[in-house]
Structure formats: C-alpha cells, structure tokens
C-alpha cells in the first residue's frame, strides 16, 4: 500500500491529472467556439452535410427513408472528410484564437520585464565563444609567454609542454 501511495504522490501523476482535467474543460470551450461561431460561418457558404456523401462499393445498394443502409456496402467517405475538416478547423481555431495570442502576450510580457528570449546556442557556437574569450583574455593579460594565469610557461592545466621549474 505504501508503494501505491508513493506512486499517487509523485509529481508527474498529479501534473497529468491536472492536465487531463484542464484539457477536458478546454475541449468544451473549443468545441463551443467551433459549433457556435465557425460552423455557422461555414454553413453560410451553403455546404451540404458531409455525412450524406457515400459511394456504393458492393451492390445492389439501397437506403431507406431515414438514410440508413438496408442493402449493399457503402464507403462513407463524407464522414471521413467531415471528421478531417473538423480536426483542421478545430486545430486552426486553437492556434489562431488561443496559442498565437498567448505567445504574443508572453513575448510582450517578457520584453516588458526585460527578459527577452535569448537564442539558444549550439555546442559548436558555444565552444567558439569560449575559445574567443580565452584568446582575448590571453592577449589582454600582457603575458609574454601567452599563459592566461600569469605563471611560468607550461604550468597551465592541460598543457602538453613539459613543466619547467
């Protein structure tokens, strides 16, 4: 039982539970936005319900008055296309109405706080900067032997030259 308690109290389990709850609430908001605003705008174009589009694969294909298949095999490609369009429209709504404004707001906030995003350097760029700083340090130090530590030549760490005493 103590192992189960430790499992439940781990940070990532709690974070995951919070993410699921927030995700469910956010899904409700996005679905309401798509149903209430986007779908009526798309419907104003005059599109027919995509679920009605199908192709008879193996006949004879018959449909009753309610639209249910009574005979034959249909490919319901309209339902697939409708689901795909719903996904794309929902993803666009999430991006343009939530993600993009939030990123813009976060950038403005960071600039206002003086914490502009710093570009992440690659390993090679970072090593090149370190090399250049060390070279500048050696020349600015005025050592005649080229050591940055000001000590006798050959005593710097990592030196391949033999030490002289």
N, C-alpha and C. Protein backbone atom coordinates (compact mmCIF):
# COMPACT_ATOMS: atom_id res chain seq x y z
N UNK A 1 0.82 -1.19 0.00
CA UNK A 1 0.00 0.00 0.00
C UNK A 1 0.87 1.26 0.00
N UNK A 2 2.03 1.19 0.64
CA UNK A 2 2.90 2.38 0.69
C UNK A 2 3.45 2.69 -0.71
N UNK A 3 3.72 1.66 -1.49
CA UNK A 3 4.18 1.88 -2.86
C UNK A 3 3.13 2.57 -3.70
N UNK A 4 1.87 2.19 -3.50
CA UNK A 4 0.77 2.82 -4.23
C UNK A 4 0.63 4.29 -3.82
N UNK A 5 0.79 4.56 -2.52
CA UNK A 5 0.71 5.94 -2.03
C UNK A 5 1.84 6.78 -2.62
N UNK A 6 3.05 6.21 -2.70
CA UNK A 6 4.18 6.93 -3.30
C UNK A 6 3.92 7.23 -4.78
N UNK A 7 3.33 6.24 -5.45
CA UNK A 7 3.01 6.42 -6.87
C UNK A 7 2.04 7.57 -7.07
N UNK A 8 0.99 7.62 -6.24
CA UNK A 8 -0.01 8.67 -6.37
C UNK A 8 0.55 10.05 -6.00
N UNK A 9 1.50 10.09 -5.12
CA UNK A 9 2.02 11.37 -4.66
C UNK A 9 3.18 11.89 -5.52
N UNK A 10 3.60 11.12 -6.50
CA UNK A 10 4.65 11.60 -7.40
C UNK A 10 4.14 12.80 -8.16
N UNK A 11 5.01 13.75 -8.43
CA UNK A 11 4.61 14.99 -9.08
C UNK A 11 4.03 14.80 -10.46
N UNK A 12 4.58 13.87 -11.23
CA UNK A 12 4.10 13.74 -12.61
C UNK A 12 2.69 13.14 -12.68
N UNK A 13 2.27 12.35 -11.70
CA UNK A 13 0.92 11.80 -11.69
C UNK A 13 -0.08 12.93 -11.43
N UNK A 14 0.24 13.79 -10.49
CA UNK A 14 -0.64 14.92 -10.18
C UNK A 14 -0.68 15.87 -11.37
N UNK A 15 0.47 16.15 -11.98
CA UNK A 15 0.52 17.01 -13.16
C UNK A 15 -0.32 16.44 -14.29
N UNK A 16 -0.23 15.15 -14.49
CA UNK A 16 -1.02 14.50 -15.55
C UNK A 16 -2.51 14.61 -15.26
N UNK A 17 -2.91 14.41 -14.02
CA UNK A 17 -4.32 14.52 -13.67
C UNK A 17 -4.83 15.93 -13.90
N UNK A 18 -4.04 16.92 -13.51
CA UNK A 18 -4.43 18.32 -13.74
C UNK A 18 -4.52 18.59 -15.24
N UNK A 19 -3.59 18.08 -16.03
CA UNK A 19 -3.61 18.29 -17.48
C UNK A 19 -4.86 17.68 -18.11
N UNK A 20 -5.26 16.52 -17.64
CA UNK A 20 -6.46 15.87 -18.20
C UNK A 20 -7.70 16.69 -17.88
N UNK A 21 -7.81 17.17 -16.66
CA UNK A 21 -8.97 17.97 -16.26
C UNK A 21 -9.02 19.27 -17.04
N UNK A 22 -7.89 19.96 -17.11
CA UNK A 22 -7.83 21.22 -17.87
C UNK A 22 -8.09 20.96 -19.34
N UNK A 23 -7.55 19.88 -19.87
CA UNK A 23 -7.77 19.53 -21.28
C UNK A 23 -9.24 19.28 -21.57
N UNK A 24 -9.93 18.61 -20.67
CA UNK A 24 -11.36 18.36 -20.86
C UNK A 24 -12.15 19.67 -20.84
N UNK A 25 -11.82 20.55 -19.91
CA UNK A 25 -12.50 21.84 -19.85
C UNK A 25 -12.19 22.68 -21.09
N UNK A 26 -10.95 22.65 -21.53
CA UNK A 26 -10.55 23.41 -22.71
C UNK A 26 -11.21 22.85 -23.96
N UNK A 27 -11.39 21.54 -24.04
CA UNK A 27 -12.07 20.92 -25.17
C UNK A 27 -13.51 21.43 -25.26
N UNK A 28 -14.16 21.58 -24.14
CA UNK A 28 -15.52 22.11 -24.12
C UNK A 28 -15.56 23.53 -24.68
N UNK A 29 -14.61 24.35 -24.29
CA UNK A 29 -14.54 25.73 -24.79
C UNK A 29 -14.31 25.74 -26.29
N UNK A 30 -13.35 24.96 -26.76
CA UNK A 30 -13.03 24.93 -28.19
C UNK A 30 -14.21 24.40 -29.00
N UNK A 31 -14.84 23.33 -28.54
CA UNK A 31 -16.00 22.77 -29.25
C UNK A 31 -17.15 23.77 -29.32
N UNK A 32 -17.39 24.50 -28.23
CA UNK A 32 -18.45 25.51 -28.23
C UNK A 32 -18.13 26.63 -29.21
N UNK A 33 -16.88 27.02 -29.27
CA UNK A 33 -16.46 28.07 -30.21
C UNK A 33 -16.65 27.61 -31.65
N UNK A 34 -16.25 26.37 -31.94
CA UNK A 34 -16.38 25.84 -33.30
C UNK A 34 -17.85 25.68 -33.66
N UNK A 35 -18.65 25.11 -32.76
CA UNK A 35 -20.09 24.92 -33.04
C UNK A 35 -20.83 26.24 -33.12
N UNK A 36 -20.51 27.18 -32.25
CA UNK A 36 -21.27 28.42 -32.17
C UNK A 36 -20.87 29.49 -33.17
N UNK A 37 -19.61 29.49 -33.60
CA UNK A 37 -19.14 30.57 -34.49
C UNK A 37 -18.64 30.03 -35.83
N UNK A 38 -17.75 29.07 -35.80
CA UNK A 38 -17.12 28.61 -37.04
C UNK A 38 -18.10 27.83 -37.91
N UNK A 39 -18.82 26.86 -37.34
CA UNK A 39 -19.76 26.07 -38.14
C UNK A 39 -20.84 26.92 -38.80
N UNK A 40 -21.46 27.88 -38.10
CA UNK A 40 -22.44 28.72 -38.80
C UNK A 40 -21.82 29.53 -39.94
N UNK A 41 -20.59 29.98 -39.76
CA UNK A 41 -19.92 30.71 -40.85
C UNK A 41 -19.69 29.79 -42.05
N UNK A 42 -19.25 28.57 -41.79
CA UNK A 42 -19.04 27.61 -42.88
C UNK A 42 -20.39 27.23 -43.49
N UNK A 43 -21.43 27.08 -42.66
CA UNK A 43 -22.76 26.75 -43.16
C UNK A 43 -23.35 27.86 -44.02
N UNK A 44 -22.95 29.10 -43.77
CA UNK A 44 -23.45 30.22 -44.57
C UNK A 44 -22.98 30.14 -46.01
N UNK A 45 -21.90 29.40 -46.24
CA UNK A 45 -21.39 29.22 -47.61
C UNK A 45 -22.36 28.36 -48.41
N UNK A 46 -23.14 27.55 -47.72
CA UNK A 46 -24.13 26.74 -48.40
C UNK A 46 -23.71 25.31 -48.61
N UNK A 47 -22.83 24.78 -47.75
CA UNK A 47 -22.38 23.40 -47.89
C UNK A 47 -23.45 22.44 -47.41
N UNK A 48 -23.47 21.27 -48.02
CA UNK A 48 -24.39 20.21 -47.62
C UNK A 48 -23.70 19.39 -46.53
N UNK A 49 -24.47 18.69 -45.70
CA UNK A 49 -23.89 17.85 -44.66
C UNK A 49 -23.00 16.79 -45.31
N UNK A 50 -21.75 16.73 -44.88
CA UNK A 50 -20.80 15.81 -45.49
C UNK A 50 -21.12 14.35 -45.20
N UNK A 51 -21.84 14.08 -44.11
CA UNK A 51 -22.16 12.70 -43.76
C UNK A 51 -23.02 12.02 -44.83
N UNK A 52 -23.70 12.80 -45.65
CA UNK A 52 -24.56 12.22 -46.69
C UNK A 52 -23.78 11.69 -47.89
N UNK A 53 -22.52 12.04 -48.03
CA UNK A 53 -21.74 11.61 -49.19
C UNK A 53 -21.19 10.20 -48.95
N UNK A 54 -21.53 9.29 -49.88
CA UNK A 54 -21.06 7.90 -49.77
C UNK A 54 -21.02 7.31 -51.16
N UNK A 55 -20.28 6.23 -51.29
CA UNK A 55 -20.15 5.53 -52.56
C UNK A 55 -20.45 4.07 -52.34
N UNK A 56 -21.25 3.50 -53.25
CA UNK A 56 -21.61 2.10 -53.16
C UNK A 56 -20.43 1.25 -53.61
N UNK A 57 -19.92 0.41 -52.72
CA UNK A 57 -18.77 -0.43 -53.03
C UNK A 57 -19.22 -1.77 -53.61
N UNK A 58 -20.24 -2.33 -53.03
CA UNK A 58 -20.74 -3.64 -53.48
C UNK A 58 -22.26 -3.57 -53.46
N UNK A 59 -22.87 -3.72 -54.58
CA UNK A 59 -24.30 -3.52 -54.72
C UNK A 59 -25.08 -4.81 -54.74
N UNK A 60 -26.34 -4.73 -54.85
CA UNK A 60 -27.11 -3.50 -55.02
C UNK A 60 -27.20 -2.74 -53.69
N UNK A 61 -27.05 -1.42 -53.77
CA UNK A 61 -27.07 -0.57 -52.59
C UNK A 61 -28.40 0.14 -52.50
N UNK A 62 -29.05 -0.01 -51.36
CA UNK A 62 -30.31 0.68 -51.13
C UNK A 62 -30.28 1.34 -49.77
N UNK A 63 -30.99 2.46 -49.69
CA UNK A 63 -31.06 3.23 -48.45
C UNK A 63 -32.53 3.49 -48.18
N UNK A 64 -32.94 3.37 -46.90
CA UNK A 64 -34.34 3.63 -46.58
C UNK A 64 -34.58 5.14 -46.42
N UNK A 65 -35.78 5.52 -46.07
CA UNK A 65 -36.16 6.94 -45.96
C UNK A 65 -35.38 7.67 -44.88
N UNK A 66 -34.94 6.96 -43.84
CA UNK A 66 -34.19 7.58 -42.74
C UNK A 66 -32.72 7.76 -43.10
N UNK A 67 -32.29 7.23 -44.24
CA UNK A 67 -30.90 7.36 -44.65
C UNK A 67 -30.03 6.21 -44.22
N UNK A 68 -30.63 5.18 -43.62
CA UNK A 68 -29.86 4.02 -43.17
C UNK A 68 -29.69 3.04 -44.33
N UNK A 69 -28.52 2.39 -44.39
CA UNK A 69 -28.22 1.43 -45.44
C UNK A 69 -29.00 0.15 -45.14
N UNK A 70 -29.78 -0.31 -46.15
CA UNK A 70 -30.54 -1.56 -45.98
C UNK A 70 -29.88 -2.70 -46.72
N UNK A 71 -29.19 -2.39 -47.81
CA UNK A 71 -28.51 -3.41 -48.60
C UNK A 71 -27.22 -2.84 -49.14
N UNK A 72 -26.26 -3.72 -49.39
CA UNK A 72 -25.02 -3.32 -50.03
C UNK A 72 -23.98 -2.82 -49.04
N UNK A 73 -22.83 -2.48 -49.60
CA UNK A 73 -21.70 -1.99 -48.79
C UNK A 73 -21.33 -0.61 -49.30
N UNK A 74 -21.36 0.35 -48.41
CA UNK A 74 -21.03 1.73 -48.76
C UNK A 74 -19.68 2.12 -48.17
N UNK A 75 -18.99 2.95 -48.90
CA UNK A 75 -17.82 3.66 -48.37
C UNK A 75 -18.34 5.02 -47.94
N UNK A 76 -18.26 5.33 -46.66
CA UNK A 76 -18.79 6.59 -46.13
C UNK A 76 -17.69 7.64 -46.10
N UNK A 77 -17.23 8.03 -47.27
CA UNK A 77 -16.09 8.95 -47.36
C UNK A 77 -16.46 10.36 -46.90
N UNK A 78 -17.73 10.70 -46.90
CA UNK A 78 -18.16 12.01 -46.42
C UNK A 78 -17.92 12.17 -44.92
N UNK A 79 -18.14 11.08 -44.17
CA UNK A 79 -17.89 11.13 -42.73
C UNK A 79 -16.41 11.33 -42.43
N UNK A 80 -15.55 10.65 -43.20
CA UNK A 80 -14.10 10.79 -43.01
C UNK A 80 -13.67 12.21 -43.36
N UNK A 81 -14.16 12.72 -44.48
CA UNK A 81 -13.82 14.08 -44.89
C UNK A 81 -14.33 15.09 -43.87
N UNK A 82 -15.54 14.87 -43.34
CA UNK A 82 -16.09 15.76 -42.32
C UNK A 82 -15.26 15.76 -41.05
N UNK A 83 -14.84 14.58 -40.62
CA UNK A 83 -14.00 14.49 -39.42
C UNK A 83 -12.66 15.16 -39.64
N UNK A 84 -12.09 14.99 -40.84
CA UNK A 84 -10.82 15.63 -41.15
C UNK A 84 -10.96 17.16 -41.17
N UNK A 85 -12.01 17.64 -41.79
CA UNK A 85 -12.24 19.09 -41.81
C UNK A 85 -12.50 19.64 -40.41
N UNK A 86 -13.25 18.90 -39.60
CA UNK A 86 -13.48 19.33 -38.22
C UNK A 86 -12.18 19.41 -37.45
N UNK A 87 -11.30 18.43 -37.65
CA UNK A 87 -10.00 18.45 -36.98
C UNK A 87 -9.18 19.66 -37.42
N UNK A 88 -9.11 19.91 -38.73
CA UNK A 88 -8.31 21.03 -39.24
C UNK A 88 -8.89 22.36 -38.76
N UNK A 89 -10.20 22.51 -38.80
CA UNK A 89 -10.83 23.75 -38.34
C UNK A 89 -10.59 23.94 -36.85
N UNK A 90 -10.75 22.86 -36.07
CA UNK A 90 -10.52 22.95 -34.62
C UNK A 90 -9.07 23.30 -34.32
N UNK A 91 -8.14 22.68 -35.02
CA UNK A 91 -6.71 22.98 -34.81
C UNK A 91 -6.42 24.43 -35.17
N UNK A 92 -7.02 24.93 -36.25
CA UNK A 92 -6.81 26.33 -36.65
C UNK A 92 -7.39 27.28 -35.61
N UNK A 93 -8.56 26.95 -35.09
CA UNK A 93 -9.17 27.80 -34.06
C UNK A 93 -8.29 27.82 -32.81
N UNK A 94 -7.82 26.66 -32.39
CA UNK A 94 -6.96 26.60 -31.21
C UNK A 94 -5.70 27.43 -31.44
N UNK A 95 -5.09 27.28 -32.61
CA UNK A 95 -3.84 28.00 -32.87
C UNK A 95 -4.07 29.51 -32.97
N UNK A 96 -5.00 29.93 -33.83
CA UNK A 96 -5.15 31.35 -34.09
C UNK A 96 -5.89 32.11 -32.98
N UNK A 97 -6.75 31.43 -32.26
CA UNK A 97 -7.52 32.11 -31.21
C UNK A 97 -6.92 31.96 -29.81
N UNK A 98 -6.08 30.95 -29.61
CA UNK A 98 -5.55 30.73 -28.27
C UNK A 98 -4.02 30.74 -28.24
N UNK A 99 -3.37 29.90 -29.04
CA UNK A 99 -1.92 29.75 -28.96
C UNK A 99 -1.20 31.02 -29.43
N UNK A 100 -1.56 31.52 -30.61
CA UNK A 100 -0.89 32.71 -31.16
C UNK A 100 -1.05 33.93 -30.26
N UNK A 101 -2.26 34.27 -29.81
CA UNK A 101 -2.37 35.41 -28.90
C UNK A 101 -1.63 35.20 -27.57
N UNK A 102 -1.65 33.97 -27.06
CA UNK A 102 -0.95 33.70 -25.81
C UNK A 102 0.56 33.87 -25.98
N UNK A 103 1.12 33.36 -27.08
CA UNK A 103 2.55 33.54 -27.35
C UNK A 103 2.89 35.01 -27.51
N UNK A 104 2.03 35.75 -28.21
CA UNK A 104 2.25 37.19 -28.39
C UNK A 104 2.24 37.91 -27.05
N UNK A 105 1.29 37.56 -26.20
CA UNK A 105 1.19 38.17 -24.88
C UNK A 105 2.41 37.82 -24.02
N UNK A 106 2.87 36.56 -24.10
CA UNK A 106 4.05 36.14 -23.32
C UNK A 106 5.31 36.88 -23.78
N UNK A 107 5.45 37.07 -25.11
CA UNK A 107 6.61 37.81 -25.63
C UNK A 107 6.58 39.26 -25.16
N UNK A 108 5.40 39.90 -25.22
CA UNK A 108 5.28 41.28 -24.76
C UNK A 108 5.58 41.39 -23.27
N UNK A 109 5.12 40.43 -22.51
CA UNK A 109 5.36 40.43 -21.07
C UNK A 109 6.85 40.26 -20.77
N UNK A 110 7.51 39.36 -21.50
CA UNK A 110 8.95 39.15 -21.29
C UNK A 110 9.73 40.40 -21.65
N UNK A 111 9.35 41.06 -22.75
CA UNK A 111 10.03 42.30 -23.13
C UNK A 111 9.81 43.38 -22.09
N UNK A 112 8.61 43.45 -21.55
CA UNK A 112 8.30 44.46 -20.53
C UNK A 112 9.12 44.21 -19.27
N UNK A 113 9.38 42.98 -18.96
CA UNK A 113 10.18 42.65 -17.78
C UNK A 113 11.68 42.68 -18.06
N UNK A 114 12.04 42.94 -19.31
CA UNK A 114 13.46 42.99 -19.67
C UNK A 114 14.08 41.62 -19.80
N UNK A 115 13.28 40.63 -20.05
CA UNK A 115 13.78 39.27 -20.16
C UNK A 115 13.52 38.74 -21.55
N UNK A 116 13.98 39.44 -22.55
CA UNK A 116 13.77 38.99 -23.93
C UNK A 116 14.36 37.61 -24.11
N UNK A 117 13.71 36.81 -24.92
CA UNK A 117 14.18 35.45 -25.15
C UNK A 117 15.60 35.47 -25.71
N UNK A 118 16.46 34.63 -25.12
CA UNK A 118 17.81 34.50 -25.63
C UNK A 118 17.84 33.32 -26.58
N UNK A 119 18.55 33.52 -27.67
CA UNK A 119 18.65 32.46 -28.65
C UNK A 119 19.55 31.37 -28.11
N UNK A 120 19.13 30.14 -28.21
CA UNK A 120 19.91 29.01 -27.70
C UNK A 120 21.06 28.72 -28.66
N UNK A 121 22.27 28.67 -28.13
CA UNK A 121 23.44 28.42 -28.94
C UNK A 121 23.67 26.93 -29.10
N UNK A 122 24.22 26.56 -30.25
CA UNK A 122 24.60 25.17 -30.45
C UNK A 122 25.92 24.93 -29.72
N UNK A 123 26.29 23.67 -29.58
CA UNK A 123 27.54 23.34 -28.89
C UNK A 123 28.74 23.97 -29.59
N UNK A 124 28.76 23.92 -30.91
CA UNK A 124 29.88 24.49 -31.64
C UNK A 124 29.97 26.00 -31.45
N UNK A 125 28.82 26.69 -31.47
CA UNK A 125 28.82 28.14 -31.27
C UNK A 125 29.29 28.48 -29.86
N UNK A 126 28.87 27.71 -28.88
CA UNK A 126 29.27 27.95 -27.50
C UNK A 126 30.77 27.72 -27.33
N UNK A 127 31.29 26.64 -27.91
CA UNK A 127 32.73 26.37 -27.82
C UNK A 127 33.54 27.45 -28.54
N UNK A 128 33.04 27.95 -29.66
CA UNK A 128 33.72 29.02 -30.38
C UNK A 128 33.76 30.28 -29.53
N UNK A 129 32.67 30.60 -28.84
CA UNK A 129 32.66 31.77 -27.96
C UNK A 129 33.67 31.62 -26.82
N UNK A 130 33.72 30.43 -26.22
CA UNK A 130 34.67 30.18 -25.13
C UNK A 130 36.10 30.34 -25.64
N UNK A 131 36.40 29.76 -26.81
CA UNK A 131 37.74 29.88 -27.39
C UNK A 131 38.10 31.34 -27.63
N UNK A 132 37.17 32.11 -28.19
CA UNK A 132 37.44 33.52 -28.47
C UNK A 132 37.65 34.32 -27.18
N UNK A 133 36.87 34.01 -26.13
CA UNK A 133 37.05 34.70 -24.85
C UNK A 133 38.40 34.36 -24.23
N UNK A 134 38.81 33.10 -24.30
CA UNK A 134 40.12 32.71 -23.77
C UNK A 134 41.25 33.37 -24.54
N UNK A 135 41.11 33.44 -25.86
CA UNK A 135 42.14 34.09 -26.67
C UNK A 135 42.23 35.58 -26.35
N UNK A 136 41.09 36.22 -26.17
CA UNK A 136 41.07 37.64 -25.83
C UNK A 136 41.66 37.86 -24.44
N UNK A 137 41.41 36.94 -23.54
CA UNK A 137 41.94 37.04 -22.18
C UNK A 137 43.47 36.93 -22.19
N UNK A 138 44.00 36.05 -23.01
CA UNK A 138 45.46 35.87 -23.10
C UNK A 138 46.13 37.12 -23.64
N UNK A 139 45.56 37.68 -24.71
CA UNK A 139 46.20 38.86 -25.31
C UNK A 139 46.03 40.09 -24.44
N UNK A 140 44.94 40.21 -23.71
CA UNK A 140 44.72 41.37 -22.85
C UNK A 140 45.53 41.28 -21.57
N UNK A 141 45.91 40.07 -21.16
CA UNK A 141 46.66 39.89 -19.92
C UNK A 141 48.09 40.39 -19.99
N UNK A 142 48.65 40.50 -21.18
CA UNK A 142 50.00 41.00 -21.35
C UNK A 142 51.08 40.01 -21.01
N UNK A 143 50.76 38.73 -20.88
CA UNK A 143 51.78 37.72 -20.60
C UNK A 143 52.71 37.60 -21.79
N UNK A 144 53.97 37.50 -21.51
CA UNK A 144 54.92 37.34 -22.61
C UNK A 144 54.95 35.90 -23.07
N UNK A 145 54.61 34.96 -22.18
CA UNK A 145 54.66 33.55 -22.57
C UNK A 145 53.31 33.04 -23.08
N UNK A 146 52.27 33.89 -23.04
CA UNK A 146 50.98 33.50 -23.62
C UNK A 146 50.07 32.78 -22.66
N UNK A 147 50.48 32.60 -21.38
CA UNK A 147 49.62 31.92 -20.42
C UNK A 147 48.61 32.90 -19.84
N UNK A 148 47.40 32.44 -19.60
CA UNK A 148 46.37 33.29 -19.04
C UNK A 148 46.52 33.42 -17.54
N UNK A 149 47.24 32.47 -16.91
CA UNK A 149 47.34 32.50 -15.45
C UNK A 149 48.50 33.35 -14.95
N UNK A 150 49.32 33.82 -15.81
CA UNK A 150 50.43 34.68 -15.43
C UNK A 150 51.59 33.92 -14.82
N UNK A 151 51.51 32.63 -14.73
CA UNK A 151 52.56 31.81 -14.14
C UNK A 151 53.61 31.45 -15.16
N UNK A 152 54.55 30.62 -14.75
CA UNK A 152 55.60 30.20 -15.68
C UNK A 152 55.01 29.40 -16.83
N UNK A 153 55.69 29.46 -17.94
CA UNK A 153 55.22 28.77 -19.14
C UNK A 153 55.13 27.27 -18.88
N UNK A 154 54.05 26.66 -19.34
CA UNK A 154 53.90 25.21 -19.22
C UNK A 154 53.18 24.77 -17.97
N UNK A 155 52.81 25.68 -17.06
CA UNK A 155 52.12 25.28 -15.84
C UNK A 155 50.61 25.37 -15.95
N UNK A 156 50.08 25.77 -17.10
CA UNK A 156 48.64 25.87 -17.22
C UNK A 156 48.05 24.46 -17.33
N UNK A 157 46.86 24.27 -16.80
CA UNK A 157 46.23 22.93 -16.85
C UNK A 157 45.99 22.49 -18.29
N UNK A 158 46.25 21.24 -18.54
CA UNK A 158 46.02 20.71 -19.88
C UNK A 158 47.14 21.01 -20.85
N UNK A 159 48.23 21.58 -20.38
CA UNK A 159 49.32 21.93 -21.27
C UNK A 159 50.10 20.67 -21.65
N UNK A 160 50.47 20.58 -22.91
CA UNK A 160 51.21 19.40 -23.34
C UNK A 160 52.72 19.64 -23.24
N UNK A 161 53.11 20.85 -22.94
CA UNK A 161 54.55 21.14 -22.81
C UNK A 161 55.04 20.73 -21.43
N UNK A 162 56.25 20.28 -21.33
CA UNK A 162 56.77 19.87 -20.01
C UNK A 162 56.92 21.10 -19.11
N UNK A 163 56.73 20.88 -17.84
CA UNK A 163 56.87 21.97 -16.87
C UNK A 163 58.33 22.28 -16.63
N UNK A 164 58.59 23.54 -16.48
CA UNK A 164 59.95 23.96 -16.14
C UNK A 164 59.95 24.52 -14.76
N UNK A 165 60.92 24.13 -13.96
CA UNK A 165 60.97 24.60 -12.58
C UNK A 165 62.09 25.55 -12.37
